[in-house]
Amino acid sequence: GSILPDANDYFAFADCMIWSHVLAVRLASEKATDVVWLCGSSYAKIAPTFSEFWALYLSDIDAALFAKGRPIVSR
């Protein structure tokens, strides 16, 4: 199984450092549009919406791209 719950609902929109980690946004219309960071068998929620992700990116790029300060779930 997938490490990310409801993984099929997500679309990877950015790869960082040639797929060492990726950023994905949930596109399922009936659920929140979370943006997540995925690396190996770990993930972290970066922002609850795509708009909030971009606001975070502009204010703290490390938090947006590298999950700095976010709880990381590992499986």
PDB file of N, CA and C in Angstrom:
ATOM      1  N   GLY A   1       0.804  -1.182   0.000  1.00  0.00           N
ATOM      2  CA  GLY A   1       0.000   0.000   0.000  1.00  0.00           C
ATOM      3  C   GLY A   1       0.855   1.256   0.000  1.00  0.00           C
ATOM      4  N   SER A   2       0.212   2.339  -0.170  1.00  0.00           N
ATOM      5  CA  SER A   2       0.876   3.644  -0.230  1.00  0.00           C
ATOM      6  C   SER A   2       1.141   4.180   1.176  1.00  0.00           C
ATOM      7  N   ILE A   3       2.180   4.983   1.294  1.00  0.00           N
ATOM      8  CA  ILE A   3       2.463   5.609   2.590  1.00  0.00           C
ATOM      9  C   ILE A   3       1.523   6.774   2.859  1.00  0.00           C
ATOM     10  N   LEU A   4       1.012   7.395   1.803  1.00  0.00           N
ATOM     11  CA  LEU A   4       0.146   8.565   1.926  1.00  0.00           C
ATOM     12  C   LEU A   4      -1.316   8.131   1.828  1.00  0.00           C
ATOM     13  N   PRO A   5      -2.118   8.389   2.872  1.00  0.00           N
ATOM     14  CA  PRO A   5      -3.536   8.048   2.779  1.00  0.00           C
ATOM     15  C   PRO A   5      -4.180   8.744   1.576  1.00  0.00           C
ATOM     16  N   ASP A   6      -5.020   8.053   0.855  1.00  0.00           N
ATOM     17  CA  ASP A   6      -5.707   8.584  -0.329  1.00  0.00           C
ATOM     18  C   ASP A   6      -4.720   9.080  -1.392  1.00  0.00           C
ATOM     19  N   ALA A   7      -3.627   8.378  -1.576  1.00  0.00           N
ATOM     20  CA  ALA A   7      -2.574   8.791  -2.519  1.00  0.00           C
ATOM     21  C   ALA A   7      -3.105   9.023  -3.932  1.00  0.00           C
ATOM     22  N   ASN A   8      -4.116   8.281  -4.340  1.00  0.00           N
ATOM     23  CA  ASN A   8      -4.662   8.446  -5.690  1.00  0.00           C
ATOM     24  C   ASN A   8      -5.343   9.797  -5.899  1.00  0.00           C
ATOM     25  N   ASP A   9      -5.616  10.528  -4.824  1.00  0.00           N
ATOM     26  CA  ASP A   9      -6.255  11.841  -4.921  1.00  0.00           C
ATOM     27  C   ASP A   9      -5.245  12.953  -5.215  1.00  0.00           C
ATOM     28  N   TYR A  10      -3.952  12.651  -5.197  1.00  0.00           N
ATOM     29  CA  TYR A  10      -2.908  13.669  -5.297  1.00  0.00           C
ATOM     30  C   TYR A  10      -2.268  13.724  -6.679  1.00  0.00           C
ATOM     31  N   PHE A  11      -1.807  14.929  -7.028  1.00  0.00           N
ATOM     32  CA  PHE A  11      -1.085  15.170  -8.274  1.00  0.00           C
ATOM     33  C   PHE A  11       0.265  15.781  -7.918  1.00  0.00           C
ATOM     34  N   ALA A  12       1.340  15.146  -8.326  1.00  0.00           N
ATOM     35  CA  ALA A  12       2.689  15.680  -8.080  1.00  0.00           C
ATOM     36  C   ALA A  12       2.918  16.859  -9.016  1.00  0.00           C
ATOM     37  N   PHE A  13       3.180  18.030  -8.445  1.00  0.00           N
ATOM     38  CA  PHE A  13       3.373  19.217  -9.268  1.00  0.00           C
ATOM     39  C   PHE A  13       4.805  19.721  -9.243  1.00  0.00           C
ATOM     40  N   ALA A  14       5.643  19.159  -8.406  1.00  0.00           N
ATOM     41  CA  ALA A  14       7.040  19.606  -8.368  1.00  0.00           C
ATOM     42  C   ALA A  14       7.922  18.477  -7.870  1.00  0.00           C
ATOM     43  N   ASP A  15       9.059  18.316  -8.537  1.00  0.00           N
ATOM     44  CA  ASP A  15      10.059  17.403  -8.002  1.00  0.00           C
ATOM     45  C   ASP A  15      11.271  18.242  -7.631  1.00  0.00           C
ATOM     46  N   CYS A  16      11.860  17.901  -6.538  1.00  0.00           N
ATOM     47  CA  CYS A  16      12.989  18.666  -6.021  1.00  0.00           C
ATOM     48  C   CYS A  16      14.214  17.771  -5.999  1.00  0.00           C
ATOM     49  N   MET A  17      15.291  18.289  -6.474  1.00  0.00           N
ATOM     50  CA  MET A  17      16.563  17.579  -6.432  1.00  0.00           C
ATOM     51  C   MET A  17      16.466  16.228  -7.142  1.00  0.00           C
ATOM     52  N   ILE A  18      15.882  16.222  -8.329  1.00  0.00           N
ATOM     53  CA  ILE A  18      15.732  15.041  -9.175  1.00  0.00           C
ATOM     54  C   ILE A  18      15.078  13.881  -8.408  1.00  0.00           C
ATOM     55  N   TRP A  19      13.894  14.121  -7.921  1.00  0.00           N
ATOM     56  CA  TRP A  19      13.033  13.144  -7.269  1.00  0.00           C
ATOM     57  C   TRP A  19      13.516  12.660  -5.904  1.00  0.00           C
ATOM     58  N   SER A  20      14.385  13.417  -5.228  1.00  0.00           N
ATOM     59  CA  SER A  20      14.676  13.020  -3.850  1.00  0.00           C
ATOM     60  C   SER A  20      13.447  13.265  -2.990  1.00  0.00           C
ATOM     61  N   HIS A  21      12.674  14.275  -3.359  1.00  0.00           N
ATOM     62  CA  HIS A  21      11.364  14.474  -2.755  1.00  0.00           C
ATOM     63  C   HIS A  21      10.469  15.205  -3.744  1.00  0.00           C
ATOM     64  N   VAL A  22       9.164  15.065  -3.546  1.00  0.00           N
ATOM     65  CA  VAL A  22       8.193  15.705  -4.437  1.00  0.00           C
ATOM     66  C   VAL A  22       7.154  16.456  -3.615  1.00  0.00           C
ATOM     67  N   LEU A  23       6.491  17.380  -4.277  1.00  0.00           N
ATOM     68  CA  LEU A  23       5.363  18.096  -3.701  1.00  0.00           C
ATOM     69  C   LEU A  23       4.130  17.691  -4.489  1.00  0.00           C
ATOM     70  N   ALA A  24       3.036  17.477  -3.787  1.00  0.00           N
ATOM     71  CA  ALA A  24       1.801  17.056  -4.441  1.00  0.00           C
ATOM     72  C   ALA A  24       0.621  17.795  -3.824  1.00  0.00           C
ATOM     73  N   VAL A  25      -0.392  18.010  -4.636  1.00  0.00           N
ATOM     74  CA  VAL A  25      -1.623  18.658  -4.174  1.00  0.00           C
ATOM     75  C   VAL A  25      -2.778  17.684  -4.378  1.00  0.00           C
ATOM     76  N   ARG A  26      -3.681  17.675  -3.403  1.00  0.00           N
ATOM     77  CA  ARG A  26      -4.862  16.803  -3.510  1.00  0.00           C
ATOM     78  C   ARG A  26      -5.869  17.473  -4.435  1.00  0.00           C
ATOM     79  N   LEU A  27      -6.324  16.746  -5.437  1.00  0.00           N
ATOM     80  CA  LEU A  27      -7.253  17.295  -6.420  1.00  0.00           C
ATOM     81  C   LEU A  27      -8.674  16.773  -6.284  1.00  0.00           C
ATOM     82  N   ALA A  28      -8.925  15.840  -5.389  1.00  0.00           N
ATOM     83  CA  ALA A  28     -10.286  15.325  -5.196  1.00  0.00           C
ATOM     84  C   ALA A  28     -11.183  16.475  -4.738  1.00  0.00           C
ATOM     85  N   SER A  29     -12.244  16.741  -5.463  1.00  0.00           N
ATOM     86  CA  SER A  29     -13.060  17.929  -5.218  1.00  0.00           C
ATOM     87  C   SER A  29     -13.804  17.906  -3.885  1.00  0.00           C
ATOM     88  N   GLU A  30     -14.106  16.740  -3.365  1.00  0.00           N
ATOM     89  CA  GLU A  30     -14.877  16.669  -2.124  1.00  0.00           C
ATOM     90  C   GLU A  30     -14.004  16.722  -0.867  1.00  0.00           C
ATOM     91  N   LYS A  31     -12.684  16.813  -1.035  1.00  0.00           N
ATOM     92  CA  LYS A  31     -11.774  16.828   0.104  1.00  0.00           C
ATOM     93  C   LYS A  31     -10.932  18.098   0.088  1.00  0.00           C
ATOM     94  N   ALA A  32     -10.255  18.381   1.195  1.00  0.00           N
ATOM     95  CA  ALA A  32      -9.364  19.539   1.275  1.00  0.00           C
ATOM     96  C   ALA A  32      -8.264  19.418   0.218  1.00  0.00           C
ATOM     97  N   THR A  33      -7.784  20.543  -0.244  1.00  0.00           N
ATOM     98  CA  THR A  33      -6.742  20.557  -1.284  1.00  0.00           C
ATOM     99  C   THR A  33      -5.353  20.626  -0.651  1.00  0.00           C
ATOM    100  N   ASP A  34      -5.095  19.740   0.308  1.00  0.00           N
ATOM    101  CA  ASP A  34      -3.804  19.715   1.000  1.00  0.00           C
ATOM    102  C   ASP A  34      -2.642  19.660   0.022  1.00  0.00           C
ATOM    103  N   VAL A  35      -1.548  20.325   0.407  1.00  0.00           N
ATOM    104  CA  VAL A  35      -0.282  20.179  -0.294  1.00  0.00           C
ATOM    105  C   VAL A  35       0.635  19.399   0.633  1.00  0.00           C
ATOM    106  N   VAL A  36       1.259  18.349   0.096  1.00  0.00           N
ATOM    107  CA  VAL A  36       2.123  17.490   0.898  1.00  0.00           C
ATOM    108  C   VAL A  36       3.514  17.390   0.287  1.00  0.00           C
ATOM    109  N   TRP A  37       4.463  17.096   1.148  1.00  0.00           N
ATOM    110  CA  TRP A  37       5.860  16.830   0.796  1.00  0.00           C
ATOM    111  C   TRP A  37       6.053  15.334   0.978  1.00  0.00           C
ATOM    112  N   LEU A  38       6.640  14.668  -0.023  1.00  0.00           N
ATOM    113  CA  LEU A  38       6.886  13.226   0.051  1.00  0.00           C
ATOM    114  C   LEU A  38       8.358  12.954  -0.207  1.00  0.00           C
ATOM    115  N   CYS A  39       8.928  12.113   0.640  1.00  0.00           N
ATOM    116  CA  CYS A  39      10.338  11.741   0.504  1.00  0.00           C
ATOM    117  C   CYS A  39      10.490  10.298   0.972  1.00  0.00           C
ATOM    118  N   GLY A  40      10.810   9.394   0.040  1.00  0.00           N
ATOM    119  CA  GLY A  40      10.950   7.988   0.405  1.00  0.00           C
ATOM    120  C   GLY A  40       9.672   7.470   1.021  1.00  0.00           C
ATOM    121  N   SER A  41       9.753   6.968   2.237  1.00  0.00           N
ATOM    122  CA  SER A  41       8.572   6.448   2.923  1.00  0.00           C
ATOM    123  C   SER A  41       8.046   7.424   3.971  1.00  0.00           C
ATOM    124  N   SER A  42       8.278   8.711   3.753  1.00  0.00           N
ATOM    125  CA  SER A  42       7.826   9.750   4.686  1.00  0.00           C
ATOM    126  C   SER A  42       7.018  10.811   3.945  1.00  0.00           C
ATOM    127  N   TYR A  43       6.114  11.461   4.693  1.00  0.00           N
ATOM    128  CA  TYR A  43       5.376  12.588   4.120  1.00  0.00           C
ATOM    129  C   TYR A  43       5.052  13.592   5.223  1.00  0.00           C
ATOM    130  N   ALA A  44       4.755  14.822   4.795  1.00  0.00           N
ATOM    131  CA  ALA A  44       4.357  15.877   5.722  1.00  0.00           C
ATOM    132  C   ALA A  44       3.353  16.774   5.019  1.00  0.00           C
ATOM    133  N   LYS A  45       2.353  17.227   5.761  1.00  0.00           N
ATOM    134  CA  LYS A  45       1.400  18.194   5.220  1.00  0.00           C
ATOM    135  C   LYS A  45       2.066  19.568   5.279  1.00  0.00           C
ATOM    136  N   ILE A  46       2.167  20.215   4.130  1.00  0.00           N
ATOM    137  CA  ILE A  46       2.811  21.525   4.046  1.00  0.00           C
ATOM    138  C   ILE A  46       1.803  22.645   4.230  1.00  0.00           C
ATOM    139  N   ALA A  47       0.639  22.516   3.613  1.00  0.00           N
ATOM    140  CA  ALA A  47      -0.382  23.566   3.691  1.00  0.00           C
ATOM    141  C   ALA A  47      -1.757  22.957   3.428  1.00  0.00           C
ATOM    142  N   PRO A  48      -2.809  23.566   3.979  1.00  0.00           N
ATOM    143  CA  PRO A  48      -4.157  23.024   3.776  1.00  0.00           C
ATOM    144  C   PRO A  48      -4.757  23.357   2.406  1.00  0.00           C
ATOM    145  N   THR A  49      -4.190  24.340   1.705  1.00  0.00           N
ATOM    146  CA  THR A  49      -4.667  24.700   0.364  1.00  0.00           C
ATOM    147  C   THR A  49      -3.482  25.062  -0.515  1.00  0.00           C
ATOM    148  N   PHE A  50      -3.715  25.028  -1.823  1.00  0.00           N
ATOM    149  CA  PHE A  50      -2.679  25.394  -2.786  1.00  0.00           C
ATOM    150  C   PHE A  50      -2.314  26.872  -2.637  1.00  0.00           C
ATOM    151  N   SER A  51      -3.303  27.716  -2.396  1.00  0.00           N
ATOM    152  CA  SER A  51      -3.041  29.150  -2.185  1.00  0.00           C
ATOM    153  C   SER A  51      -2.172  29.383  -0.963  1.00  0.00           C
ATOM    154  N   GLU A  52      -2.458  28.677   0.120  1.00  0.00           N
ATOM    155  CA  GLU A  52      -1.657  28.833   1.337  1.00  0.00           C
ATOM    156  C   GLU A  52      -0.244  28.296   1.144  1.00  0.00           C
ATOM    157  N   PHE A  53      -0.102  27.268   0.298  1.00  0.00           N
ATOM    158  CA  PHE A  53       1.243  26.793  -0.020  1.00  0.00           C
ATOM    159  C   PHE A  53       2.062  27.907  -0.658  1.00  0.00           C
ATOM    160  N   TRP A  54       1.476  28.616  -1.630  1.00  0.00           N
ATOM    161  CA  TRP A  54       2.228  29.677  -2.319  1.00  0.00           C
ATOM    162  C   TRP A  54       2.535  30.841  -1.387  1.00  0.00           C
ATOM    163  N   ALA A  55       1.636  31.159  -0.483  1.00  0.00           N
ATOM    164  CA  ALA A  55       1.925  32.209   0.507  1.00  0.00           C
ATOM    165  C   ALA A  55       3.094  31.773   1.392  1.00  0.00           C
ATOM    166  N   LEU A  56       3.108  30.511   1.803  1.00  0.00           N
ATOM    167  CA  LEU A  56       4.214  29.985   2.601  1.00  0.00           C
ATOM    168  C   LEU A  56       5.506  30.007   1.795  1.00  0.00           C
ATOM    169  N   TYR A  57       5.436  29.605   0.539  1.00  0.00           N
ATOM    170  CA  TYR A  57       6.610  29.599  -0.341  1.00  0.00           C
ATOM    171  C   TYR A  57       7.242  30.988  -0.404  1.00  0.00           C
ATOM    172  N   LEU A  58       6.421  32.021  -0.504  1.00  0.00           N
ATOM    173  CA  LEU A  58       6.934  33.391  -0.590  1.00  0.00           C
ATOM    174  C   LEU A  58       7.494  33.903   0.737  1.00  0.00           C
ATOM    175  N   SER A  59       6.995  33.367   1.847  1.00  0.00           N
ATOM    176  CA  SER A  59       7.462  33.841   3.153  1.00  0.00           C
ATOM    177  C   SER A  59       8.560  32.977   3.771  1.00  0.00           C
ATOM    178  N   ASP A  60       8.586  31.666   3.453  1.00  0.00           N
ATOM    179  CA  ASP A  60       9.577  30.752   4.033  1.00  0.00           C
ATOM    180  C   ASP A  60       9.779  29.573   3.083  1.00  0.00           C
ATOM    181  N   ILE A  61      10.657  29.741   2.126  1.00  0.00           N
ATOM    182  CA  ILE A  61      10.851  28.735   1.076  1.00  0.00           C
ATOM    183  C   ILE A  61      11.276  27.376   1.643  1.00  0.00           C
ATOM    184  N   ASP A  62      12.072  27.354   2.703  1.00  0.00           N
ATOM    185  CA  ASP A  62      12.487  26.068   3.292  1.00  0.00           C
ATOM    186  C   ASP A  62      11.305  25.308   3.884  1.00  0.00           C
ATOM    187  N   ALA A  63      10.371  26.022   4.500  1.00  0.00           N
ATOM    188  CA  ALA A  63       9.183  25.363   5.042  1.00  0.00           C
ATOM    189  C   ALA A  63       8.324  24.802   3.913  1.00  0.00           C
ATOM    190  N   ALA A  64       8.248  25.525   2.801  1.00  0.00           N
ATOM    191  CA  ALA A  64       7.422  25.088   1.673  1.00  0.00           C
ATOM    192  C   ALA A  64       8.045  23.923   0.915  1.00  0.00           C
ATOM    193  N   LEU A  65       9.340  23.949   0.690  1.00  0.00           N
ATOM    194  CA  LEU A  65       9.979  22.931  -0.144  1.00  0.00           C
ATOM    195  C   LEU A  65      10.576  21.759   0.614  1.00  0.00           C
ATOM    196  N   PHE A  66      10.913  21.963   1.886  1.00  0.00           N
ATOM    197  CA  PHE A  66      11.626  20.911   2.625  1.00  0.00           C
ATOM    198  C   PHE A  66      10.935  20.505   3.925  1.00  0.00           C
ATOM    199  N   ALA A  67       9.681  20.902   4.112  1.00  0.00           N
ATOM    200  CA  ALA A  67       8.885  20.520   5.286  1.00  0.00           C
ATOM    201  C   ALA A  67       9.498  20.991   6.592  1.00  0.00           C
ATOM    202  N   LYS A  68      10.282  22.064   6.549  1.00  0.00           N
ATOM    203  CA  LYS A  68      10.892  22.594   7.776  1.00  0.00           C
ATOM    204  C   LYS A  68       9.805  22.982   8.779  1.00  0.00           C
ATOM    205  N   GLY A  69       9.916  22.447   9.992  1.00  0.00           N
ATOM    206  CA  GLY A  69       8.967  22.768  11.045  1.00  0.00           C
ATOM    207  C   GLY A  69       7.652  22.010  10.979  1.00  0.00           C
ATOM    208  N   ARG A  70       7.526  21.088  10.052  1.00  0.00           N
ATOM    209  CA  ARG A  70       6.295  20.315   9.909  1.00  0.00           C
ATOM    210  C   ARG A  70       6.475  18.908  10.486  1.00  0.00           C
ATOM    211  N   PRO A  71       5.453  18.352  11.102  1.00  0.00           N
ATOM    212  CA  PRO A  71       5.549  16.972  11.571  1.00  0.00           C
ATOM    213  C   PRO A  71       5.651  16.023  10.378  1.00  0.00           C
ATOM    214  N   ILE A  72       6.632  15.149  10.393  1.00  0.00           N
ATOM    215  CA  ILE A  72       6.855  14.187   9.307  1.00  0.00           C
ATOM    216  C   ILE A  72       6.380  12.814   9.755  1.00  0.00           C
ATOM    217  N   VAL A  73       5.536  12.208   8.925  1.00  0.00           N
ATOM    218  CA  VAL A  73       5.016  10.853   9.184  1.00  0.00           C
ATOM    219  C   VAL A  73       5.878   9.884   8.386  1.00  0.00           C
ATOM    220  N   SER A  74       6.410   8.886   9.060  1.00  0.00           N
ATOM    221  CA  SER A  74       7.225   7.868   8.393  1.00  0.00           C
ATOM    222  C   SER A  74       6.589   6.508   8.574  1.00  0.00           C
ATOM    223  N   ARG A  75       6.659   5.699   7.548  1.00  0.00           N
ATOM    224  CA  ARG A  75       6.090   4.350   7.608  1.00  0.00           C
ATOM    225  C   ARG A  75       7.121   3.335   7.238  1.00  0.00           C
TER     226      ARG A  75
END
